Amino acid sequence: MPRLPPILRLLQAPAKFTVVPKAHVSAKPAKTPTSAVEQAVGISAIVAGFMVPAGWVLAHLESYKKSSAA
């Protein structure tokens, strides 16, 4: 194995001996259940967050093609 410069050895040392503690994750039911309306609003907001920008890009695709060709 080739010898590393001192700076790279400093970066390599923590990766060898780092102990990652086990995560204490527990799942509990919600204190107040989410209603169907709240779920619908949340899902709609997420879908709109992805679809509106994608639709805008697709609607303006021809102008992007023209500006990149010129």
N, C-alpha and C. Protein backbone atom coordinates (compact mmCIF):
# COMPACT_ATOMS: atom_id res chain seq x y z
N MET A 1 0.84 -1.18 0.00
CA MET A 1 0.00 0.00 0.00
C MET A 1 0.89 1.25 0.00
N PRO A 2 0.62 2.19 -0.92
CA PRO A 2 1.47 3.39 -0.99
C PRO A 2 1.28 4.26 0.25
N ARG A 3 2.34 4.97 0.58
CA ARG A 3 2.30 5.87 1.73
C ARG A 3 1.55 7.15 1.37
N LEU A 4 0.62 7.54 2.24
CA LEU A 4 -0.18 8.74 2.00
C LEU A 4 0.48 9.95 2.63
N PRO A 5 0.26 11.12 2.04
CA PRO A 5 0.75 12.35 2.68
C PRO A 5 0.06 12.53 4.04
N PRO A 6 0.69 13.26 4.96
CA PRO A 6 0.12 13.40 6.32
C PRO A 6 -1.29 13.96 6.34
N ILE A 7 -1.61 14.88 5.43
CA ILE A 7 -2.97 15.46 5.41
C ILE A 7 -4.00 14.38 5.11
N LEU A 8 -3.72 13.53 4.11
CA LEU A 8 -4.67 12.48 3.77
C LEU A 8 -4.76 11.43 4.87
N ARG A 9 -3.67 11.18 5.59
CA ARG A 9 -3.73 10.23 6.71
C ARG A 9 -4.62 10.78 7.82
N LEU A 10 -4.62 12.08 8.02
CA LEU A 10 -5.50 12.67 9.03
C LEU A 10 -6.97 12.49 8.65
N LEU A 11 -7.26 12.59 7.37
CA LEU A 11 -8.64 12.41 6.92
C LEU A 11 -9.06 10.95 6.97
N GLN A 12 -8.12 10.04 6.79
CA GLN A 12 -8.42 8.62 6.75
C GLN A 12 -8.62 8.05 8.16
N ALA A 13 -7.92 8.57 9.14
CA ALA A 13 -7.94 8.00 10.49
C ALA A 13 -9.34 7.98 11.11
N PRO A 14 -10.12 9.07 11.08
CA PRO A 14 -11.43 9.00 11.72
C PRO A 14 -12.37 7.99 11.08
N ALA A 15 -12.24 7.74 9.80
CA ALA A 15 -13.13 6.79 9.13
C ALA A 15 -12.87 5.37 9.59
N LYS A 16 -11.65 5.05 9.98
CA LYS A 16 -11.33 3.69 10.40
C LYS A 16 -11.94 3.33 11.75
N PHE A 17 -11.91 4.26 12.69
CA PHE A 17 -12.23 3.92 14.06
C PHE A 17 -13.52 4.55 14.56
N THR A 18 -14.31 5.11 13.67
CA THR A 18 -15.55 5.76 14.10
C THR A 18 -16.60 4.71 14.42
N VAL A 19 -17.17 4.80 15.61
CA VAL A 19 -18.24 3.90 16.01
C VAL A 19 -19.54 4.69 15.96
N VAL A 20 -20.48 4.21 15.17
CA VAL A 20 -21.76 4.89 15.01
C VAL A 20 -22.75 4.26 15.98
N PRO A 21 -23.33 5.05 16.88
CA PRO A 21 -24.27 4.46 17.83
C PRO A 21 -25.56 4.04 17.13
N LYS A 22 -26.20 3.03 17.69
CA LYS A 22 -27.45 2.54 17.14
C LYS A 22 -28.55 3.58 17.37
N ALA A 23 -29.33 3.83 16.35
CA ALA A 23 -30.40 4.81 16.46
C ALA A 23 -31.56 4.23 17.26
N HIS A 24 -32.13 5.05 18.13
CA HIS A 24 -33.28 4.62 18.93
C HIS A 24 -34.53 5.18 18.26
N VAL A 25 -35.06 4.42 17.32
CA VAL A 25 -36.23 4.85 16.57
C VAL A 25 -37.42 4.03 17.05
N SER A 26 -38.48 4.72 17.38
CA SER A 26 -39.70 4.01 17.77
C SER A 26 -40.88 4.65 17.06
N ALA A 27 -41.80 3.83 16.64
CA ALA A 27 -42.97 4.34 15.93
C ALA A 27 -44.17 4.29 16.88
N LYS A 28 -44.84 5.40 17.03
CA LYS A 28 -46.03 5.46 17.87
C LYS A 28 -47.16 6.05 17.04
N PRO A 29 -48.36 5.71 17.35
CA PRO A 29 -49.48 6.34 16.64
C PRO A 29 -49.55 7.83 16.96
N ALA A 30 -50.10 8.58 16.04
CA ALA A 30 -50.21 10.03 16.22
C ALA A 30 -51.15 10.34 17.38
N LYS A 31 -50.86 11.43 18.10
CA LYS A 31 -51.72 11.84 19.21
C LYS A 31 -53.09 12.27 18.70
N THR A 32 -53.08 13.00 17.57
CA THR A 32 -54.34 13.40 16.94
C THR A 32 -54.31 12.87 15.50
N PRO A 33 -55.25 12.01 15.15
CA PRO A 33 -55.24 11.44 13.80
C PRO A 33 -55.44 12.50 12.72
N THR A 34 -54.81 12.28 11.59
CA THR A 34 -54.92 13.20 10.45
C THR A 34 -56.20 12.88 9.69
N SER A 35 -57.02 13.91 9.47
CA SER A 35 -58.29 13.69 8.78
C SER A 35 -58.05 13.48 7.28
N ALA A 36 -59.08 13.00 6.61
CA ALA A 36 -58.99 12.75 5.17
C ALA A 36 -58.76 14.05 4.41
N VAL A 37 -59.36 15.15 4.88
CA VAL A 37 -59.18 16.44 4.22
C VAL A 37 -57.73 16.91 4.35
N GLU A 38 -57.16 16.77 5.54
CA GLU A 38 -55.76 17.16 5.74
C GLU A 38 -54.82 16.32 4.87
N GLN A 39 -55.11 15.03 4.76
CA GLN A 39 -54.31 14.16 3.90
C GLN A 39 -54.42 14.58 2.44
N ALA A 40 -55.63 14.89 2.00
CA ALA A 40 -55.84 15.29 0.61
C ALA A 40 -55.11 16.59 0.31
N VAL A 41 -55.15 17.54 1.24
CA VAL A 41 -54.45 18.82 1.04
C VAL A 41 -52.95 18.59 0.97
N GLY A 42 -52.43 17.77 1.85
CA GLY A 42 -50.99 17.49 1.85
C GLY A 42 -50.52 16.80 0.58
N ILE A 43 -51.24 15.77 0.17
CA ILE A 43 -50.88 15.06 -1.06
C ILE A 43 -50.99 15.99 -2.27
N SER A 44 -52.04 16.81 -2.30
CA SER A 44 -52.22 17.75 -3.42
C SER A 44 -51.07 18.75 -3.48
N ALA A 45 -50.63 19.23 -2.33
CA ALA A 45 -49.52 20.19 -2.30
C ALA A 45 -48.23 19.55 -2.80
N ILE A 46 -47.98 18.32 -2.40
CA ILE A 46 -46.77 17.63 -2.85
C ILE A 46 -46.81 17.38 -4.36
N VAL A 47 -47.95 16.89 -4.84
CA VAL A 47 -48.08 16.63 -6.29
C VAL A 47 -47.94 17.93 -7.07
N ALA A 48 -48.57 19.00 -6.61
CA ALA A 48 -48.47 20.29 -7.30
C ALA A 48 -47.04 20.80 -7.28
N GLY A 49 -46.34 20.57 -6.18
CA GLY A 49 -44.95 21.01 -6.08
C GLY A 49 -44.04 20.36 -7.11
N PHE A 50 -44.36 19.14 -7.51
CA PHE A 50 -43.58 18.47 -8.54
C PHE A 50 -44.10 18.74 -9.94
N MET A 51 -45.42 18.75 -10.10
CA MET A 51 -46.01 18.82 -11.43
C MET A 51 -46.03 20.23 -12.03
N VAL A 52 -46.23 21.25 -11.24
CA VAL A 52 -46.30 22.61 -11.78
C VAL A 52 -44.97 23.02 -12.41
N PRO A 53 -43.83 22.86 -11.74
CA PRO A 53 -42.57 23.22 -12.40
C PRO A 53 -42.28 22.36 -13.64
N ALA A 54 -42.60 21.08 -13.56
CA ALA A 54 -42.37 20.20 -14.72
C ALA A 54 -43.26 20.62 -15.88
N GLY A 55 -44.50 20.97 -15.60
CA GLY A 55 -45.41 21.42 -16.66
C GLY A 55 -44.94 22.73 -17.27
N TRP A 56 -44.41 23.62 -16.44
CA TRP A 56 -43.92 24.90 -16.95
C TRP A 56 -42.74 24.68 -17.89
N VAL A 57 -41.84 23.81 -17.51
CA VAL A 57 -40.68 23.51 -18.36
C VAL A 57 -41.15 22.89 -19.67
N LEU A 58 -42.07 21.93 -19.61
CA LEU A 58 -42.56 21.30 -20.83
C LEU A 58 -43.31 22.29 -21.71
N ALA A 59 -44.04 23.22 -21.13
CA ALA A 59 -44.77 24.20 -21.92
C ALA A 59 -43.83 25.17 -22.63
N HIS A 60 -42.64 25.40 -22.07
CA HIS A 60 -41.68 26.34 -22.65
C HIS A 60 -40.51 25.64 -23.32
N LEU A 61 -40.67 24.37 -23.62
CA LEU A 61 -39.58 23.58 -24.19
C LEU A 61 -39.11 24.13 -25.54
N GLU A 62 -40.03 24.58 -26.36
CA GLU A 62 -39.65 25.11 -27.68
C GLU A 62 -38.80 26.36 -27.54
N SER A 63 -39.13 27.22 -26.60
CA SER A 63 -38.32 28.43 -26.43
C SER A 63 -36.93 28.08 -25.89
N TYR A 64 -36.83 27.01 -25.08
CA TYR A 64 -35.50 26.57 -24.62
C TYR A 64 -34.68 26.07 -25.79
N LYS A 65 -35.34 25.30 -26.68
CA LYS A 65 -34.62 24.77 -27.85
C LYS A 65 -34.12 25.92 -28.75
N LYS A 66 -34.97 26.93 -28.95
CA LYS A 66 -34.58 28.05 -29.81
C LYS A 66 -33.42 28.83 -29.20
N SER A 67 -33.46 29.07 -27.89
CA SER A 67 -32.41 29.88 -27.26
C SER A 67 -31.07 29.14 -27.19
N SER A 68 -31.10 27.80 -27.11
CA SER A 68 -29.84 27.05 -27.05
C SER A 68 -29.22 26.86 -28.43
N ALA A 69 -30.06 26.89 -29.48
CA ALA A 69 -29.54 26.70 -30.85
C ALA A 69 -28.92 27.98 -31.38
N ALA A 70 -29.34 29.13 -30.91
CA ALA A 70 -28.84 30.40 -31.44
C ALA A 70 -27.48 30.77 -30.95
